[in-house]
Amino acid sequence: HVSVSPEGTAAKGGYATVDFKVPNERDNASTTKLEVAFP
């Protein structure tokens, strides 16, 4: 499933680089769009 993880650490109060990992779960279609809503 779609997941998110930091590159290194995501410390409170600081800045971080995070990766949203998106796997393609279909055999007959490609993923063409991703929308991520922020809290």
PDB file of all heavy atoms in Angstrom:
ATOM      1  N   HIS A   1       0.836  -1.197   0.000  1.00  0.00           N
ATOM      2  CA  HIS A   1       0.000   0.000   0.000  1.00  0.00           C
ATOM      3  C   HIS A   1       0.868   1.244   0.000  1.00  0.00           C
ATOM      4  O   HIS A   1       2.089   1.177   0.179  1.00  0.00           O
ATOM      5  CB  HIS A   1      -0.938   0.006   1.214  1.00  0.00           C
ATOM      6  CG  HIS A   1      -0.238  -0.255   2.518  1.00  0.00           C
ATOM      7  ND1 HIS A   1       0.587   0.656   3.119  1.00  0.00           N
ATOM      8  CD2 HIS A   1      -0.239  -1.349   3.321  1.00  0.00           C
ATOM      9  CE1 HIS A   1       1.065   0.159   4.247  1.00  0.00           C
ATOM     10  NE2 HIS A   1       0.588  -1.062   4.392  1.00  0.00           N
ATOM     11  N   VAL A   2       0.257   2.376  -0.226  1.00  0.00           N
ATOM     12  CA  VAL A   2       0.979   3.650  -0.206  1.00  0.00           C
ATOM     13  C   VAL A   2       1.461   3.918   1.218  1.00  0.00           C
ATOM     14  O   VAL A   2       0.690   3.831   2.184  1.00  0.00           O
ATOM     15  CB  VAL A   2       0.081   4.799  -0.694  1.00  0.00           C
ATOM     16  CG1 VAL A   2       0.816   6.134  -0.571  1.00  0.00           C
ATOM     17  CG2 VAL A   2      -0.353   4.560  -2.141  1.00  0.00           C
ATOM     18  N   SER A   3       2.739   4.233   1.345  1.00  0.00           N
ATOM     19  CA  SER A   3       3.330   4.466   2.672  1.00  0.00           C
ATOM     20  C   SER A   3       4.225   5.695   2.630  1.00  0.00           C
ATOM     21  O   SER A   3       4.567   6.190   1.550  1.00  0.00           O
ATOM     22  CB  SER A   3       4.136   3.241   3.126  1.00  0.00           C
ATOM     23  OG  SER A   3       5.185   2.963   2.209  1.00  0.00           O
ATOM     24  N   VAL A   4       4.604   6.175   3.814  1.00  0.00           N
ATOM     25  CA  VAL A   4       5.506   7.319   3.910  1.00  0.00           C
ATOM     26  C   VAL A   4       6.568   7.023   4.964  1.00  0.00           C
ATOM     27  O   VAL A   4       6.276   6.448   6.016  1.00  0.00           O
ATOM     28  CB  VAL A   4       4.734   8.618   4.262  1.00  0.00           C
ATOM     29  CG1 VAL A   4       4.024   8.496   5.611  1.00  0.00           C
ATOM     30  CG2 VAL A   4       5.679   9.820   4.264  1.00  0.00           C
ATOM     31  N   SER A   5       7.800   7.404   4.663  1.00  0.00           N
ATOM     32  CA  SER A   5       8.907   7.197   5.600  1.00  0.00           C
ATOM     33  C   SER A   5       9.936   8.296   5.407  1.00  0.00           C
ATOM     34  O   SER A   5      10.085   8.837   4.298  1.00  0.00           O
ATOM     35  CB  SER A   5       9.551   5.818   5.387  1.00  0.00           C
ATOM     36  OG  SER A   5      10.052   5.711   4.071  1.00  0.00           O
ATOM     37  N   PRO A   6      10.662   8.646   6.479  1.00  0.00           N
ATOM     38  CA  PRO A   6      11.663   9.712   6.369  1.00  0.00           C
ATOM     39  C   PRO A   6      12.981   9.200   5.807  1.00  0.00           C
ATOM     40  O   PRO A   6      13.319   8.022   5.946  1.00  0.00           O
ATOM     41  CB  PRO A   6      11.832  10.178   7.817  1.00  0.00           C
ATOM     42  CG  PRO A   6      11.572   8.938   8.625  1.00  0.00           C
ATOM     43  CD  PRO A   6      10.516   8.170   7.863  1.00  0.00           C
ATOM     44  N   GLU A   7      13.709  10.077   5.170  1.00  0.00           N
ATOM     45  CA  GLU A   7      15.085   9.782   4.783  1.00  0.00           C
ATOM     46  C   GLU A   7      15.962  10.192   5.965  1.00  0.00           C
ATOM     47  O   GLU A   7      16.303  11.347   6.125  1.00  0.00           O
ATOM     48  CB  GLU A   7      15.478  10.538   3.518  1.00  0.00           C
ATOM     49  CG  GLU A   7      14.712  10.114   2.275  1.00  0.00           C
ATOM     50  CD  GLU A   7      15.179  10.839   1.028  1.00  0.00           C
ATOM     51  OE1 GLU A   7      16.172  11.603   1.125  1.00  0.00           O
ATOM     52  OE2 GLU A   7      14.562  10.668  -0.038  1.00  0.00           O
ATOM     53  N   GLY A   8      16.289   9.229   6.808  1.00  0.00           N
ATOM     54  CA  GLY A   8      16.993   9.540   8.064  1.00  0.00           C
ATOM     55  C   GLY A   8      15.976   9.600   9.189  1.00  0.00           C
ATOM     56  O   GLY A   8      15.340   8.604   9.501  1.00  0.00           O
ATOM     57  N   THR A   9      15.813  10.774   9.773  1.00  0.00           N
ATOM     58  CA  THR A   9      14.857  10.921  10.876  1.00  0.00           C
ATOM     59  C   THR A   9      13.919  12.088  10.602  1.00  0.00           C
ATOM     60  O   THR A   9      14.237  12.999   9.839  1.00  0.00           O
ATOM     61  CB  THR A   9      15.582  11.175  12.214  1.00  0.00           C
ATOM     62  OG1 THR A   9      16.377  12.376  12.097  1.00  0.00           O
ATOM     63  CG2 THR A   9      16.478  10.003  12.582  1.00  0.00           C
ATOM     64  N   ALA A  10      12.760  12.028  11.231  1.00  0.00           N
ATOM     65  CA  ALA A  10      11.790  13.128  11.180  1.00  0.00           C
ATOM     66  C   ALA A  10      11.586  13.584  12.613  1.00  0.00           C
ATOM     67  O   ALA A  10      10.704  13.092  13.328  1.00  0.00           O
ATOM     68  CB  ALA A  10      10.489  12.666  10.538  1.00  0.00           C
ATOM     69  N   ALA A  11      12.418  14.510  13.070  1.00  0.00           N
ATOM     70  CA  ALA A  11      12.405  14.946  14.466  1.00  0.00           C
ATOM     71  C   ALA A  11      11.358  16.038  14.681  1.00  0.00           C
ATOM     72  O   ALA A  11      11.152  16.907  13.831  1.00  0.00           O
ATOM     73  CB  ALA A  11      13.786  15.454  14.881  1.00  0.00           C
ATOM     74  N   LYS A  12      10.726  15.973  15.826  1.00  0.00           N
ATOM     75  CA  LYS A  12       9.724  16.973  16.183  1.00  0.00           C
ATOM     76  C   LYS A  12      10.345  18.375  16.172  1.00  0.00           C
ATOM     77  O   LYS A  12      11.445  18.580  16.688  1.00  0.00           O
ATOM     78  CB  LYS A  12       9.157  16.679  17.571  1.00  0.00           C
ATOM     79  CG  LYS A  12       8.438  15.340  17.682  1.00  0.00           C
ATOM     80  CD  LYS A  12       7.954  15.091  19.101  1.00  0.00           C
ATOM     81  CE  LYS A  12       7.265  13.744  19.233  1.00  0.00           C
ATOM     82  NZ  LYS A  12       6.792  13.487  20.615  1.00  0.00           N
ATOM     83  N   GLY A  13       9.633  19.315  15.578  1.00  0.00           N
ATOM     84  CA  GLY A  13      10.103  20.693  15.539  1.00  0.00           C
ATOM     85  C   GLY A  13      11.099  20.987  14.444  1.00  0.00           C
ATOM     86  O   GLY A  13      11.496  22.136  14.258  1.00  0.00           O
ATOM     87  N   GLY A  14      11.519  19.962  13.712  1.00  0.00           N
ATOM     88  CA  GLY A  14      12.530  20.160  12.687  1.00  0.00           C
ATOM     89  C   GLY A  14      11.995  19.974  11.283  1.00  0.00           C
ATOM     90  O   GLY A  14      10.793  19.904  11.043  1.00  0.00           O
ATOM     91  N   TYR A  15      12.917  19.913  10.339  1.00  0.00           N
ATOM     92  CA  TYR A  15      12.592  19.689   8.940  1.00  0.00           C
ATOM     93  C   TYR A  15      13.083  18.303   8.544  1.00  0.00           C
ATOM     94  O   TYR A  15      14.039  17.773   9.121  1.00  0.00           O
ATOM     95  CB  TYR A  15      13.252  20.745   8.056  1.00  0.00           C
ATOM     96  CG  TYR A  15      12.637  22.123   8.198  1.00  0.00           C
ATOM     97  CD1 TYR A  15      12.922  22.922   9.311  1.00  0.00           C
ATOM     98  CD2 TYR A  15      11.776  22.637   7.231  1.00  0.00           C
ATOM     99  CE1 TYR A  15      12.365  24.185   9.451  1.00  0.00           C
ATOM    100  CE2 TYR A  15      11.213  23.900   7.365  1.00  0.00           C
ATOM    101  CZ  TYR A  15      11.509  24.672   8.473  1.00  0.00           C
ATOM    102  OH  TYR A  15      10.953  25.920   8.615  1.00  0.00           O
ATOM    103  N   ALA A  16      12.448  17.724   7.546  1.00  0.00           N
ATOM    104  CA  ALA A  16      12.828  16.377   7.121  1.00  0.00           C
ATOM    105  C   ALA A  16      12.489  16.188   5.655  1.00  0.00           C
ATOM    106  O   ALA A  16      11.647  16.901   5.088  1.00  0.00           O
ATOM    107  CB  ALA A  16      12.117  15.318   7.965  1.00  0.00           C
ATOM    108  N   THR A  17      13.162  15.218   5.055  1.00  0.00           N
ATOM    109  CA  THR A  17      12.806  14.777   3.710  1.00  0.00           C
ATOM    110  C   THR A  17      12.091  13.443   3.851  1.00  0.00           C
ATOM    111  O   THR A  17      12.619  12.511   4.465  1.00  0.00           O
ATOM    112  CB  THR A  17      14.050  14.606   2.825  1.00  0.00           C
ATOM    113  OG1 THR A  17      14.708  15.869   2.690  1.00  0.00           O
ATOM    114  CG2 THR A  17      13.664  14.102   1.442  1.00  0.00           C
ATOM    115  N   VAL A  18      10.880  13.372   3.318  1.00  0.00           N
ATOM    116  CA  VAL A  18      10.085  12.151   3.436  1.00  0.00           C
ATOM    117  C   VAL A  18       9.756  11.625   2.046  1.00  0.00           C
ATOM    118  O   VAL A  18       9.660  12.389   1.079  1.00  0.00           O
ATOM    119  CB  VAL A  18       8.787  12.401   4.235  1.00  0.00           C
ATOM    120  CG1 VAL A  18       9.111  12.870   5.645  1.00  0.00           C
ATOM    121  CG2 VAL A  18       7.898  13.411   3.532  1.00  0.00           C
ATOM    122  N   ASP A  19       9.607  10.303   1.954  1.00  0.00           N
ATOM    123  CA  ASP A  19       9.291   9.655   0.682  1.00  0.00           C
ATOM    124  C   ASP A  19       7.930   8.975   0.767  1.00  0.00           C
ATOM    125  O   ASP A  19       7.693   8.167   1.671  1.00  0.00           O
ATOM    126  CB  ASP A  19      10.346   8.595   0.341  1.00  0.00           C
ATOM    127  CG  ASP A  19      11.709   9.204   0.075  1.00  0.00           C
ATOM    128  OD1 ASP A  19      11.759  10.331  -0.431  1.00  0.00           O
ATOM    129  OD2 ASP A  19      12.726   8.543   0.388  1.00  0.00           O
ATOM    130  N   PHE A  20       7.065   9.293  -0.172  1.00  0.00           N
ATOM    131  CA  PHE A  20       5.817   8.552  -0.322  1.00  0.00           C
ATOM    132  C   PHE A  20       6.084   7.437  -1.332  1.00  0.00           C
ATOM    133  O   PHE A  20       6.393   7.699  -2.496  1.00  0.00           O
ATOM    134  CB  PHE A  20       4.686   9.470  -0.796  1.00  0.00           C
ATOM    135  CG  PHE A  20       4.169  10.371   0.285  1.00  0.00           C
ATOM    136  CD1 PHE A  20       4.735  11.622   0.499  1.00  0.00           C
ATOM    137  CD2 PHE A  20       3.119   9.966   1.106  1.00  0.00           C
ATOM    138  CE1 PHE A  20       4.267  12.453   1.504  1.00  0.00           C
ATOM    139  CE2 PHE A  20       2.651  10.795   2.117  1.00  0.00           C
ATOM    140  CZ  PHE A  20       3.227  12.031   2.320  1.00  0.00           C
ATOM    141  N   LYS A  21       5.980   6.201  -0.868  1.00  0.00           N
ATOM    142  CA  LYS A  21       6.264   5.042  -1.714  1.00  0.00           C
ATOM    143  C   LYS A  21       4.948   4.495  -2.263  1.00  0.00           C
ATOM    144  O   LYS A  21       4.045   4.141  -1.509  1.00  0.00           O
ATOM    145  CB  LYS A  21       6.986   3.963  -0.910  1.00  0.00           C
ATOM    146  CG  LYS A  21       7.367   2.736  -1.713  1.00  0.00           C
ATOM    147  CD  LYS A  21       8.104   1.727  -0.841  1.00  0.00           C
ATOM    148  CE  LYS A  21       8.452   0.477  -1.618  1.00  0.00           C
ATOM    149  NZ  LYS A  21       9.155  -0.513  -0.752  1.00  0.00           N
ATOM    150  N   VAL A  22       4.863   4.430  -3.593  1.00  0.00           N
ATOM    151  CA  VAL A  22       3.613   4.026  -4.249  1.00  0.00           C
ATOM    152  C   VAL A  22       3.869   2.803  -5.129  1.00  0.00           C
ATOM    153  O   VAL A  22       4.522   2.912  -6.169  1.00  0.00           O
ATOM    154  CB  VAL A  22       3.041   5.179  -5.102  1.00  0.00           C
ATOM    155  CG1 VAL A  22       1.723   4.762  -5.742  1.00  0.00           C
ATOM    156  CG2 VAL A  22       2.861   6.426  -4.255  1.00  0.00           C
ATOM    157  N   PRO A  23       3.364   1.632  -4.735  1.00  0.00           N
ATOM    158  CA  PRO A  23       3.489   0.449  -5.588  1.00  0.00           C
ATOM    159  C   PRO A  23       2.324   0.368  -6.573  1.00  0.00           C
ATOM    160  O   PRO A  23       1.233   0.861  -6.302  1.00  0.00           O
ATOM    161  CB  PRO A  23       3.418  -0.703  -4.578  1.00  0.00           C
ATOM    162  CG  PRO A  23       2.550  -0.168  -3.485  1.00  0.00           C
ATOM    163  CD  PRO A  23       2.783   1.325  -3.426  1.00  0.00           C
ATOM    164  N   ASN A  24       2.560  -0.218  -7.724  1.00  0.00           N
ATOM    165  CA  ASN A  24       1.476  -0.457  -8.677  1.00  0.00           C
ATOM    166  C   ASN A  24       0.914  -1.846  -8.401  1.00  0.00           C
ATOM    167  O   ASN A  24       1.616  -2.843  -8.487  1.00  0.00           O
ATOM    168  CB  ASN A  24       1.990  -0.373 -10.113  1.00  0.00           C
ATOM    169  CG  ASN A  24       0.850  -0.357 -11.119  1.00  0.00           C
ATOM    170  OD1 ASN A  24       0.297   0.701 -11.423  1.00  0.00           O
ATOM    171  ND2 ASN A  24       0.482  -1.511 -11.618  1.00  0.00           N
ATOM    172  N   GLU A  25      -0.362  -1.908  -8.076  1.00  0.00           N
ATOM    173  CA  GLU A  25      -0.982  -3.172  -7.673  1.00  0.00           C
ATOM    174  C   GLU A  25      -1.824  -3.820  -8.772  1.00  0.00           C
ATOM    175  O   GLU A  25      -2.488  -4.817  -8.525  1.00  0.00           O
ATOM    176  CB  GLU A  25      -1.862  -2.943  -6.437  1.00  0.00           C
ATOM    177  CG  GLU A  25      -1.115  -2.481  -5.224  1.00  0.00           C
ATOM    178  CD  GLU A  25      -2.031  -2.371  -4.012  1.00  0.00           C
ATOM    179  OE1 GLU A  25      -3.024  -1.622  -4.097  1.00  0.00           O
ATOM    180  OE2 GLU A  25      -1.772  -3.052  -3.021  1.00  0.00           O
ATOM    181  N   ARG A  26      -1.785  -3.265  -9.954  1.00  0.00           N
ATOM    182  CA  ARG A  26      -2.603  -3.808 -11.029  1.00  0.00           C
ATOM    183  C   ARG A  26      -1.715  -4.393 -12.131  1.00  0.00           C
ATOM    184  O   ARG A  26      -0.636  -3.883 -12.414  1.00  0.00           O
ATOM    185  CB  ARG A  26      -3.502  -2.716 -11.623  1.00  0.00           C
ATOM    186  CG  ARG A  26      -4.441  -2.093 -10.598  1.00  0.00           C
ATOM    187  CD  ARG A  26      -5.459  -3.090 -10.075  1.00  0.00           C
ATOM    188  NE  ARG A  26      -6.351  -2.497  -9.095  1.00  0.00           N
ATOM    189  CZ  ARG A  26      -6.174  -2.589  -7.778  1.00  0.00           C
ATOM    190  NH1 ARG A  26      -5.127  -3.250  -7.286  1.00  0.00           N
ATOM    191  NH2 ARG A  26      -7.033  -2.035  -6.947  1.00  0.00           N
ATOM    192  N   ASP A  27      -2.217  -5.458 -12.754  1.00  0.00           N
ATOM    193  CA  ASP A  27      -1.470  -6.112 -13.831  1.00  0.00           C
ATOM    194  C   ASP A  27      -1.789  -5.530 -15.205  1.00  0.00           C
ATOM    195  O   ASP A  27      -1.042  -5.753 -16.165  1.00  0.00           O
ATOM    196  CB  ASP A  27      -1.788  -7.618 -13.859  1.00  0.00           C
ATOM    197  CG  ASP A  27      -1.338  -8.328 -12.591  1.00  0.00           C
ATOM    198  OD1 ASP A  27      -0.338  -7.880 -11.991  1.00  0.00           O
ATOM    199  OD2 ASP A  27      -1.986  -9.313 -12.196  1.00  0.00           O
ATOM    200  N   ASN A  28      -2.883  -4.790 -15.303  1.00  0.00           N
ATOM    201  CA  ASN A  28      -3.324  -4.298 -16.603  1.00  0.00           C
ATOM    202  C   ASN A  28      -3.462  -2.780 -16.668  1.00  0.00           C
ATOM    203  O   ASN A  28      -4.104  -2.249 -17.576  1.00  0.00           O
ATOM    204  CB  ASN A  28      -4.673  -4.941 -16.973  1.00  0.00           C
ATOM    205  CG  ASN A  28      -5.751  -4.662 -15.926  1.00  0.00           C
ATOM    206  OD1 ASN A  28      -5.453  -4.114 -14.857  1.00  0.00           O
ATOM    207  ND2 ASN A  28      -6.988  -5.033 -16.218  1.00  0.00           N
ATOM    208  N   ALA A  29      -2.872  -2.068 -15.687  1.00  0.00           N
ATOM    209  CA  ALA A  29      -2.976  -0.608 -15.682  1.00  0.00           C
ATOM    210  C   ALA A  29      -1.768  -0.007 -14.958  1.00  0.00           C
ATOM    211  O   ALA A  29      -1.143  -0.655 -14.106  1.00  0.00           O
ATOM    212  CB  ALA A  29      -4.274  -0.158 -15.019  1.00  0.00           C
ATOM    213  N   SER A  30      -1.468   1.237 -15.292  1.00  0.00           N
ATOM    214  CA  SER A  30      -0.369   1.962 -14.646  1.00  0.00           C
ATOM    215  C   SER A  30      -0.932   3.030 -13.711  1.00  0.00           C
ATOM    216  O   SER A  30      -2.041   3.533 -13.920  1.00  0.00           O
ATOM    217  CB  SER A  30       0.528   2.628 -15.698  1.00  0.00           C
ATOM    218  OG  SER A  30       1.118   1.678 -16.546  1.00  0.00           O
ATOM    219  N   THR A  31      -0.163   3.382 -12.691  1.00  0.00           N
ATOM    220  CA  THR A  31      -0.550   4.485 -11.808  1.00  0.00           C
ATOM    221  C   THR A  31      -0.149   5.789 -12.479  1.00  0.00           C
ATOM    222  O   THR A  31       1.027   5.988 -12.819  1.00  0.00           O
ATOM    223  CB  THR A  31       0.141   4.368 -10.447  1.00  0.00           C
ATOM    224  OG1 THR A  31      -0.295   3.171  -9.790  1.00  0.00           O
ATOM    225  CG2 THR A  31      -0.188   5.565  -9.562  1.00  0.00           C
ATOM    226  N   THR A  32      -1.097   6.654 -12.679  1.00  0.00           N
ATOM    227  CA  THR A  32      -0.832   7.895 -13.408  1.00  0.00           C
ATOM    228  C   THR A  32      -1.017   9.159 -12.562  1.00  0.00           C
ATOM    229  O   THR A  32      -0.709  10.260 -13.014  1.00  0.00           O
ATOM    230  CB  THR A  32      -1.767   7.997 -14.630  1.00  0.00           C
ATOM    231  OG1 THR A  32      -3.136   7.910 -14.189  1.00  0.00           O
ATOM    232  CG2 THR A  32      -1.483   6.873 -15.628  1.00  0.00           C
ATOM    233  N   LYS A  33      -1.516   8.985 -11.319  1.00  0.00           N
ATOM    234  CA  LYS A  33      -1.740  10.167 -10.486  1.00  0.00           C
ATOM    235  C   LYS A  33      -1.720   9.785  -9.015  1.00  0.00           C
ATOM    236  O   LYS A  33      -2.207   8.722  -8.632  1.00  0.00           O
ATOM    237  CB  LYS A  33      -3.079  10.805 -10.841  1.00  0.00           C
ATOM    238  CG  LYS A  33      -3.371  12.137 -10.181  1.00  0.00           C
ATOM    239  CD  LYS A  33      -4.702  12.689 -10.680  1.00  0.00           C
ATOM    240  CE  LYS A  33      -5.034  14.032 -10.083  1.00  0.00           C
ATOM    241  NZ  LYS A  33      -6.345  14.556 -10.571  1.00  0.00           N
ATOM    242  N   LEU A  34      -1.154  10.668  -8.212  1.00  0.00           N
ATOM    243  CA  LEU A  34      -1.140  10.501  -6.757  1.00  0.00           C
ATOM    244  C   LEU A  34      -1.474  11.834  -6.104  1.00  0.00           C
ATOM    245  O   LEU A  34      -0.843  12.853  -6.400  1.00  0.00           O
ATOM    246  CB  LEU A  34       0.225  10.017  -6.267  1.00  0.00           C
ATOM    247  CG  LEU A  34       0.381   9.933  -4.739  1.00  0.00           C
ATOM    248  CD1 LEU A  34      -0.480   8.814  -4.176  1.00  0.00           C
ATOM    249  CD2 LEU A  34       1.834   9.734  -4.334  1.00  0.00           C
ATOM    250  N   GLU A  35      -2.462  11.813  -5.229  1.00  0.00           N
ATOM    251  CA  GLU A  35      -2.835  12.999  -4.459  1.00  0.00           C
ATOM    252  C   GLU A  35      -2.633  12.703  -2.977  1.00  0.00           C
ATOM    253  O   GLU A  35      -3.138  11.696  -2.467  1.00  0.00           O
ATOM    254  CB  GLU A  35      -4.294  13.366  -4.703  1.00  0.00           C
ATOM    255  CG  GLU A  35      -4.628  13.678  -6.153  1.00  0.00           C
ATOM    256  CD  GLU A  35      -6.117  13.835  -6.371  1.00  0.00           C
ATOM    257  OE1 GLU A  35      -6.669  14.891  -5.986  1.00  0.00           O
ATOM    258  OE2 GLU A  35      -6.727  12.890  -6.915  1.00  0.00           O
ATOM    259  N   VAL A  36      -1.903  13.554  -2.299  1.00  0.00           N
ATOM    260  CA  VAL A  36      -1.648  13.383  -0.869  1.00  0.00           C
ATOM    261  C   VAL A  36      -2.200  14.583  -0.119  1.00  0.00           C
ATOM    262  O   VAL A  36      -1.767  15.723  -0.341  1.00  0.00           O
ATOM    263  CB  VAL A  36      -0.144  13.220  -0.572  1.00  0.00           C
ATOM    264  CG1 VAL A  36       0.094  13.150   0.937  1.00  0.00           C
ATOM    265  CG2 VAL A  36       0.400  11.969  -1.255  1.00  0.00           C
ATOM    266  N   ALA A  37      -3.176  14.339   0.748  1.00  0.00           N
ATOM    267  CA  ALA A  37      -3.774  15.392   1.568  1.00  0.00           C
ATOM    268  C   ALA A  37      -2.994  15.508   2.877  1.00  0.00           C
ATOM    269  O   ALA A  37      -2.679  14.503   3.519  1.00  0.00           O
ATOM    270  CB  ALA A  37      -5.237  15.086   1.846  1.00  0.00           C
ATOM    271  N   PHE A  38      -2.707  16.740   3.282  1.00  0.00           N
ATOM    272  CA  PHE A  38      -1.919  16.979   4.489  1.00  0.00           C
ATOM    273  C   PHE A  38      -2.824  17.194   5.700  1.00  0.00           C
ATOM    274  O   PHE A  38      -3.954  17.697   5.568  1.00  0.00           O
ATOM    275  CB  PHE A  38      -1.005  18.186   4.273  1.00  0.00           C
ATOM    276  CG  PHE A  38       0.221  17.859   3.490  1.00  0.00           C
ATOM    277  CD1 PHE A  38       0.125  17.471   2.157  1.00  0.00           C
ATOM    278  CD2 PHE A  38       1.477  17.894   4.071  1.00  0.00           C
ATOM    279  CE1 PHE A  38       1.245  17.135   1.429  1.00  0.00           C
ATOM    280  CE2 PHE A  38       2.609  17.567   3.347  1.00  0.00           C
ATOM    281  CZ  PHE A  38       2.490  17.185   2.027  1.00  0.00           C
ATOM    282  N   PRO A  39      -2.328  16.818   6.889  1.00  0.00           N
ATOM    283  CA  PRO A  39      -3.154  16.944   8.098  1.00  0.00           C
ATOM    284  C   PRO A  39      -3.498  18.396   8.400  1.00  0.00           C
ATOM    285  O   PRO A  39      -2.648  19.277   8.307  1.00  0.00           O
ATOM    286  CB  PRO A  39      -2.274  16.326   9.192  1.00  0.00           C
ATOM    287  CG  PRO A  39      -0.874  16.405   8.664  1.00  0.00           C
ATOM    288  CD  PRO A  39      -0.978  16.261   7.188  1.00  0.00           C
TER     289      PRO A  39
END
